Amino acid sequence: MHDGMVPVSRLIVIEDADYLGHIRQAYLRRMMETVGGASGFVLVARAPSRIIDALRSRSQMIRIPPTDRETITTTLSEIAGKNG
């Protein structure tokens, strides 16, 4: 079923995006606008308040609480078991 959304051909993950300076964040914003829906961006940040407003307004924030190693290991094992 087609929901009218363009499929993402690339997923770009930027860790510590909150440590990028304002100029680099502005460049990233322009790049996000240029590639349009062809690419998806995941910005990982410990302090979202350090992300410029122009990027935050184009993003959906998802808060992920800290997770212990045992939970991560168990979850990854379950996923690996399901995917063979």
Protein backbone atom coordinates (compact mmCIF):
# COMPACT_ATOMS: atom_id res chain seq x y z
CA MET A 1 0.00 0.00 0.00
CA HIS A 2 1.38 3.40 -0.98
CA ASP A 3 0.90 6.13 1.61
CA GLY A 4 2.13 8.99 -0.58
CA MET A 5 5.57 9.13 1.00
CA VAL A 6 8.79 8.93 -1.02
CA PRO A 7 10.96 5.95 -0.03
CA VAL A 8 14.26 6.86 1.61
CA SER A 9 17.24 5.58 -0.37
CA ARG A 10 19.87 6.58 2.21
CA LEU A 11 19.87 6.93 5.96
CA ILE A 12 22.54 9.26 7.30
CA VAL A 13 23.32 9.06 11.03
CA ILE A 14 25.19 11.96 12.63
CA GLU A 15 26.34 11.22 16.16
CA ASP A 16 27.08 14.07 18.56
CA ALA A 17 25.23 16.49 16.28
CA ASP A 18 25.00 18.88 19.22
CA TYR A 19 28.78 19.35 19.03
CA LEU A 20 28.64 20.66 15.46
CA GLY A 21 29.14 24.41 15.36
CA HIS A 22 26.40 26.74 14.16
CA ILE A 23 27.98 27.11 10.71
CA ARG A 24 28.19 23.34 10.21
CA GLN A 25 24.62 22.93 11.43
CA ALA A 26 23.48 25.58 8.93
CA TYR A 27 25.31 23.71 6.17
CA LEU A 28 23.62 20.49 7.28
CA ARG A 29 20.23 22.23 7.10
CA ARG A 30 20.91 23.33 3.52
CA MET A 31 21.99 19.81 2.63
CA MET A 32 18.80 18.35 4.15
CA GLU A 33 16.74 20.73 2.01
CA THR A 34 18.74 19.93 -1.14
CA VAL A 35 18.44 16.13 -0.98
CA GLY A 36 14.76 16.33 -0.07
CA GLY A 37 13.03 13.04 0.63
CA ALA A 38 15.74 10.93 -1.02
CA SER A 39 17.68 10.71 2.24
CA GLY A 40 16.74 10.42 5.87
CA PHE A 41 18.78 11.98 8.64
CA VAL A 42 19.17 10.79 12.22
CA LEU A 43 20.78 13.37 14.49
CA VAL A 44 22.02 11.92 17.76
CA ALA A 45 22.47 14.51 20.51
CA ARG A 46 22.82 14.48 24.28
CA ALA A 47 21.84 18.16 24.49
CA PRO A 48 19.15 18.92 21.89
CA SER A 49 19.11 22.54 23.04
CA ARG A 50 22.50 22.94 21.30
CA ILE A 51 20.91 22.13 17.93
CA ILE A 52 19.98 25.30 16.02
CA ASP A 53 16.27 26.12 15.76
CA ALA A 54 16.30 25.72 11.96
CA LEU A 55 17.33 22.05 12.33
CA ARG A 56 15.04 21.34 15.27
CA SER A 57 12.05 22.72 13.36
CA ARG A 58 12.74 20.24 10.55
CA SER A 59 13.14 17.29 12.90
CA GLN A 60 11.07 14.94 14.99
CA MET A 61 12.61 14.53 18.45
CA ILE A 62 12.58 11.05 19.95
CA ARG A 63 13.88 10.70 23.49
CA ILE A 64 15.49 7.35 24.22
CA PRO A 65 16.26 6.70 27.89
CA PRO A 66 19.59 5.16 28.91
CA THR A 67 19.51 1.38 28.60
CA ASP A 68 21.66 -1.12 30.46
CA ARG A 69 23.97 -3.48 28.56
CA GLU A 70 22.00 -6.61 29.51
CA THR A 71 18.78 -5.26 27.96
CA ILE A 72 20.61 -4.28 24.78
CA THR A 73 22.26 -7.72 24.52
CA THR A 74 18.97 -9.54 25.07
CA THR A 75 17.13 -7.41 22.50
CA LEU A 76 19.84 -7.82 19.86
CA SER A 77 19.91 -11.59 20.45
CA GLU A 78 16.13 -11.76 19.95
CA ILE A 79 16.37 -9.76 16.72
CA ALA A 80 19.23 -11.92 15.45
CA GLY A 81 17.24 -15.07 16.25
CA LYS A 82 14.22 -13.84 14.30
CA ASN A 83 16.29 -12.82 11.29
CA GLY A 84 18.37 -15.99 11.17
